[in-house]
Amino acid sequence: MAKDKKKKKKNKELETARVSAAAVAGSVSEEPKPNLSRKEFEKALEPLQTELVRMQEWVKASGTKICVLFEGRDTA
């Protein structure tokens, strides 16, 4: 019985990660966005950093192997 609960929890966590990854991938746009002010940039950045930390905690807890790819001019 305890194994079933752990398996269900793990499956739910995996599904959450898939949905989160799909949401991030779906938010990528080909057209350039107008320049943001520093305040707007930091406001937009905060939920993305939060999601990255949540993913990090999930990876640590589940022991899953992942590859994270950051793409853009400022990733060099």
N, C-alpha and C. Protein backbone atom coordinates (compact mmCIF):
# COMPACT_ATOMS: atom_id res chain seq x y z
N MET A 1 0.82 -1.19 0.00
CA MET A 1 0.00 0.00 0.00
C MET A 1 0.86 1.26 0.00
N ALA A 2 1.94 1.27 0.80
CA ALA A 2 2.81 2.43 0.87
C ALA A 2 3.52 2.65 -0.47
N LYS A 3 3.86 1.55 -1.16
CA LYS A 3 4.52 1.68 -2.46
C LYS A 3 3.60 2.34 -3.47
N ASP A 4 2.30 1.99 -3.41
CA ASP A 4 1.33 2.60 -4.33
C ASP A 4 1.24 4.10 -4.12
N LYS A 5 1.26 4.54 -2.87
CA LYS A 5 1.19 5.97 -2.58
C LYS A 5 2.43 6.70 -3.11
N LYS A 6 3.60 6.07 -2.91
CA LYS A 6 4.83 6.68 -3.40
C LYS A 6 4.83 6.75 -4.93
N LYS A 7 4.34 5.68 -5.55
CA LYS A 7 4.30 5.64 -7.02
C LYS A 7 3.34 6.70 -7.55
N LYS A 8 2.18 6.85 -6.92
CA LYS A 8 1.21 7.86 -7.35
C LYS A 8 1.79 9.26 -7.18
N LYS A 9 2.47 9.50 -6.05
CA LYS A 9 3.06 10.81 -5.80
C LYS A 9 4.14 11.10 -6.84
N LYS A 10 4.97 10.11 -7.14
CA LYS A 10 6.03 10.30 -8.14
C LYS A 10 5.42 10.58 -9.50
N ASN A 11 4.36 9.84 -9.88
CA ASN A 11 3.71 10.08 -11.16
C ASN A 11 3.11 11.47 -11.23
N LYS A 12 2.54 11.93 -10.14
CA LYS A 12 1.97 13.27 -10.10
C LYS A 12 3.07 14.32 -10.26
N GLU A 13 4.21 14.11 -9.60
CA GLU A 13 5.34 15.04 -9.72
C GLU A 13 5.88 15.07 -11.14
N LEU A 14 5.96 13.89 -11.77
CA LEU A 14 6.44 13.84 -13.15
C LEU A 14 5.49 14.58 -14.09
N GLU A 15 4.21 14.39 -13.89
CA GLU A 15 3.22 15.07 -14.73
C GLU A 15 3.30 16.58 -14.53
N THR A 16 3.49 17.03 -13.29
CA THR A 16 3.64 18.46 -13.02
C THR A 16 4.86 19.01 -13.74
N ALA A 17 5.95 18.27 -13.71
CA ALA A 17 7.17 18.72 -14.39
C ALA A 17 6.95 18.80 -15.90
N ARG A 18 6.25 17.81 -16.45
CA ARG A 18 5.98 17.83 -17.89
C ARG A 18 5.13 19.04 -18.27
N VAL A 19 4.10 19.31 -17.48
CA VAL A 19 3.23 20.44 -17.75
C VAL A 19 4.00 21.74 -17.64
N SER A 20 4.85 21.86 -16.62
CA SER A 20 5.65 23.07 -16.44
C SER A 20 6.60 23.27 -17.61
N ALA A 21 7.24 22.19 -18.04
CA ALA A 21 8.16 22.29 -19.17
C ALA A 21 7.43 22.68 -20.44
N ALA A 22 6.23 22.12 -20.63
CA ALA A 22 5.45 22.45 -21.82
C ALA A 22 5.01 23.91 -21.78
N ALA A 23 4.68 24.40 -20.61
CA ALA A 23 4.25 25.79 -20.47
C ALA A 23 5.40 26.73 -20.79
N VAL A 24 6.59 26.40 -20.33
CA VAL A 24 7.76 27.23 -20.61
C VAL A 24 8.09 27.17 -22.09
N ALA A 25 8.08 25.97 -22.67
CA ALA A 25 8.39 25.83 -24.09
C ALA A 25 7.35 26.55 -24.95
N GLY A 26 6.10 26.53 -24.52
CA GLY A 26 5.05 27.21 -25.28
C GLY A 26 5.12 28.72 -25.19
N SER A 27 5.86 29.23 -24.22
CA SER A 27 5.92 30.67 -24.04
C SER A 27 7.01 31.32 -24.89
N VAL A 28 7.81 30.50 -25.59
CA VAL A 28 8.87 31.03 -26.44
C VAL A 28 8.24 31.60 -27.71
N SER A 29 8.64 32.80 -28.05
CA SER A 29 8.08 33.49 -29.21
C SER A 29 9.19 33.82 -30.19
N GLU A 30 8.87 33.79 -31.47
CA GLU A 30 9.85 34.09 -32.51
C GLU A 30 10.04 35.59 -32.70
N GLU A 31 9.01 36.37 -32.45
CA GLU A 31 9.12 37.81 -32.68
C GLU A 31 9.74 38.50 -31.48
N PRO A 32 10.57 39.52 -31.73
CA PRO A 32 11.22 40.22 -30.62
C PRO A 32 10.22 41.03 -29.81
N LYS A 33 10.46 41.09 -28.52
CA LYS A 33 9.59 41.85 -27.64
C LYS A 33 10.20 43.23 -27.41
N PRO A 34 9.36 44.20 -27.11
CA PRO A 34 9.91 45.54 -26.84
C PRO A 34 10.76 45.51 -25.58
N ASN A 35 11.68 46.45 -25.48
CA ASN A 35 12.55 46.53 -24.30
C ASN A 35 11.73 46.74 -23.04
N LEU A 36 12.14 46.06 -21.98
CA LEU A 36 11.47 46.19 -20.69
C LEU A 36 12.26 47.12 -19.79
N SER A 37 11.56 47.78 -18.92
CA SER A 37 12.25 48.55 -17.89
C SER A 37 12.84 47.56 -16.89
N ARG A 38 13.76 48.01 -16.08
CA ARG A 38 14.39 47.13 -15.08
C ARG A 38 13.34 46.53 -14.15
N LYS A 39 12.38 47.34 -13.74
CA LYS A 39 11.33 46.89 -12.83
C LYS A 39 10.46 45.81 -13.50
N GLU A 40 10.09 46.03 -14.76
CA GLU A 40 9.28 45.05 -15.48
C GLU A 40 10.05 43.74 -15.68
N PHE A 41 11.34 43.88 -15.99
CA PHE A 41 12.18 42.70 -16.19
C PHE A 41 12.25 41.85 -14.93
N GLU A 42 12.51 42.49 -13.80
CA GLU A 42 12.62 41.75 -12.54
C GLU A 42 11.30 41.11 -12.15
N LYS A 43 10.20 41.79 -12.46
CA LYS A 43 8.87 41.23 -12.17
C LYS A 43 8.61 39.99 -13.03
N ALA A 44 9.04 40.03 -14.29
CA ALA A 44 8.86 38.89 -15.19
C ALA A 44 9.82 37.75 -14.84
N LEU A 45 11.00 38.08 -14.33
CA LEU A 45 12.03 37.09 -14.03
C LEU A 45 11.70 36.27 -12.78
N GLU A 46 11.08 36.88 -11.80
CA GLU A 46 10.83 36.21 -10.52
C GLU A 46 10.08 34.88 -10.64
N PRO A 47 8.95 34.80 -11.37
CA PRO A 47 8.27 33.50 -11.46
C PRO A 47 9.10 32.45 -12.21
N LEU A 48 9.92 32.89 -13.15
CA LEU A 48 10.78 31.94 -13.87
C LEU A 48 11.86 31.38 -12.95
N GLN A 49 12.45 32.22 -12.13
CA GLN A 49 13.45 31.75 -11.16
C GLN A 49 12.80 30.81 -10.15
N THR A 50 11.60 31.14 -9.71
CA THR A 50 10.88 30.29 -8.76
C THR A 50 10.64 28.92 -9.36
N GLU A 51 10.23 28.86 -10.62
CA GLU A 51 9.98 27.58 -11.28
C GLU A 51 11.27 26.78 -11.42
N LEU A 52 12.37 27.46 -11.69
CA LEU A 52 13.66 26.77 -11.81
C LEU A 52 14.08 26.16 -10.47
N VAL A 53 13.87 26.87 -9.39
CA VAL A 53 14.19 26.34 -8.06
C VAL A 53 13.26 25.17 -7.71
N ARG A 54 11.98 25.28 -8.07
CA ARG A 54 11.05 24.16 -7.83
C ARG A 54 11.50 22.92 -8.59
N MET A 55 11.96 23.11 -9.82
CA MET A 55 12.43 21.98 -10.61
C MET A 55 13.69 21.39 -9.97
N GLN A 56 14.58 22.25 -9.48
CA GLN A 56 15.80 21.78 -8.82
C GLN A 56 15.44 20.93 -7.60
N GLU A 57 14.50 21.38 -6.80
CA GLU A 57 14.10 20.61 -5.62
C GLU A 57 13.47 19.28 -6.01
N TRP A 58 12.68 19.28 -7.09
CA TRP A 58 12.07 18.04 -7.57
C TRP A 58 13.13 17.06 -8.02
N VAL A 59 14.15 17.55 -8.73
CA VAL A 59 15.24 16.68 -9.20
C VAL A 59 15.99 16.10 -8.01
N LYS A 60 16.28 16.91 -7.02
CA LYS A 60 16.98 16.42 -5.83
C LYS A 60 16.15 15.37 -5.10
N ALA A 61 14.84 15.60 -5.00
CA ALA A 61 13.98 14.67 -4.26
C ALA A 61 13.76 13.37 -5.03
N SER A 62 13.63 13.45 -6.35
CA SER A 62 13.32 12.26 -7.13
C SER A 62 14.56 11.52 -7.64
N GLY A 63 15.69 12.22 -7.71
CA GLY A 63 16.90 11.59 -8.22
C GLY A 63 16.90 11.42 -9.73
N THR A 64 15.98 12.07 -10.39
CA THR A 64 15.85 11.98 -11.84
C THR A 64 17.01 12.69 -12.53
N LYS A 65 17.46 12.13 -13.63
CA LYS A 65 18.50 12.76 -14.43
C LYS A 65 17.84 13.66 -15.47
N ILE A 66 18.31 14.89 -15.57
CA ILE A 66 17.73 15.82 -16.54
C ILE A 66 18.84 16.61 -17.23
N CYS A 67 18.48 17.24 -18.31
CA CYS A 67 19.38 18.15 -19.01
C CYS A 67 18.62 19.46 -19.19
N VAL A 68 19.20 20.55 -18.73
CA VAL A 68 18.57 21.86 -18.86
C VAL A 68 19.37 22.65 -19.87
N LEU A 69 18.69 23.18 -20.87
CA LEU A 69 19.34 23.95 -21.91
C LEU A 69 18.88 25.39 -21.83
N PHE A 70 19.83 26.29 -21.66
CA PHE A 70 19.55 27.71 -21.65
C PHE A 70 20.01 28.26 -22.99
N GLU A 71 19.15 28.99 -23.64
CA GLU A 71 19.47 29.48 -24.96
C GLU A 71 19.26 30.99 -25.02
N GLY A 72 20.16 31.67 -25.66
CA GLY A 72 20.01 33.10 -25.82
C GLY A 72 21.36 33.79 -25.85
N ARG A 73 21.36 35.06 -26.14
CA ARG A 73 22.61 35.83 -26.27
C ARG A 73 23.37 35.88 -24.95
N ASP A 74 22.65 35.98 -23.85
CA ASP A 74 23.32 36.20 -22.56
C ASP A 74 23.71 34.91 -21.85
N THR A 75 23.65 33.77 -22.54
CA THR A 75 24.00 32.50 -21.90
C THR A 75 25.43 32.06 -22.20
N ALA A 76 26.16 32.85 -22.96
CA ALA A 76 27.50 32.45 -23.40
C ALA A 76 28.46 32.34 -22.23
